[in-house]
Amino acid sequence: MTTFKNAILLASLLMAGAGTAHAEPGISEKEIVLGNILPMSSSAALAGRALQIGTQLAVTEANDRGGVAGRTIVLKTEDDGYVPARTVQGLRKLIDEGVFGLLSMSGGGGSVAVLPIVEEQGIPAFASLSPVNAAVDPIKPTVFMIGASYRQLIFSQLKYIHDTRKRPDAIYGIIRQDDDFGDDVEKGFQRGINEFKIKAAEPVRFKRGQKDFGAEILKLRSDGINVLVAGGVTVETAAMLKEASKFKMDLDVATVPTMQLLPVMKLSEATEYSPLSADYVSPLGSPEAGHFESLVRKYLKEDEAAAVNRYSIVGYVAAKVMIEALRRCENELTRVCVTAKLTSGEPFDVNYLTKPISFTKERHTSATAVRVLEVDPRTKKVRALTDFAEY
């Protein structure tokens, strides 16, 4: 009788355990649901669509290898149009539909807007599209950032300009977007001003979606600047360069990684500038990108392959890390386990697309080494000026 009761108790416990596992958000008998919130429309769509393609490549590759614990990975993407209020709406929709983790929380302002919800819900999430410092400072238990922040990317270029261009009459200026993305860009600018003790004009801000920068350029021209931080998201940077070129301003220009995107280069090709940029991922065409580019050829249609850029590599890396963390938890597919694996300090293999990826409980940022680049809009070439270094 006792043996029979014990058997019933054991069966009940096993059923309860199974019910708990199935109750984990985004986990079912057959599927694991991951999510993206991205600007698939708006001026930031060049980056958003490319990153989505990269995450989908990693998911398709993983599913071709059997998925995770016998489950197919499903990727759901919400378009927020680069509007923070819509980022929140997109996250709430993904939560309602059941999502295990996020591969992207959209742009800087959008990421910041959803952080309280992500933290409250305990959702494993990556700040991948926009590596803003607010995502990881202070540390949120389940939020991770791949790549250097905008402040590091901008500072690396200002250091290069200061050390190599050696303008005796240098006056630095910045035009930056009026949001969290712009805040991070300006912090890199201010760090350079403070460390190098150089002259600077008053920072100039612009509203999201602005198209004309004549007044902003005239203001900085009157201030006598000859080093410009062009803090646009995509096409805004090209518009700034066009206005500066009209006045034949002699400028060294620092930009964010979107300057490397082919459409932005095309919009800038009539100007006289070869702007600097900076990056923490290996470029397309490099030996390190060989495996990634083989996946592009294998899985993508012609129009999708044409949209691939450095953000696709970032998205692929974020998805690879999340999927590997899930595989390390295949006997316990829970958010708690995945977070523990992510913060274990053990490295994640991303085929050398970035510097080694690993996180700890005290460090939720990885792949922060930066290389300064020169972008030539006329030839559509990107040239590395420095090796990878920490800033």
Foldseek 3Di string as FASTA:
>chain_A
DVVVVVVVVVVVVVVVVVVVLCPFFQDHPAEREEEEEEACDAPLVLLRLQLVLLLVLLLVVCVVVQAALNHRYHYYYHHQNQDLVSLCVVVVVCVVVTHQAYLASYEQQNLVSCLVVCLVVLHQYEHQSAQFPVQVVPHRLRYFYEAAHLLQFLLVVLVCCVVPVVDVQAEEEEEAEDHSNRVSNVNSVVVSCVVVVHHYDDYHYDYPPDQACLVVLVVVVVVVHAEYEYHDSALSSLNSQVNCQVVPRNHAYEYEPNCLDLVRLQSNQVGPDFYKGKTFFDFPPDPLCVVVVVSCVVPHDPVSSVSHGPSSLSSNQSSQLQSVLCNVCSVRRHSVSSSCSQQVQDWGDSSPRGPIDGHHSNGRYDSHFMWMWIANSNVSDIGTPGDTDHD
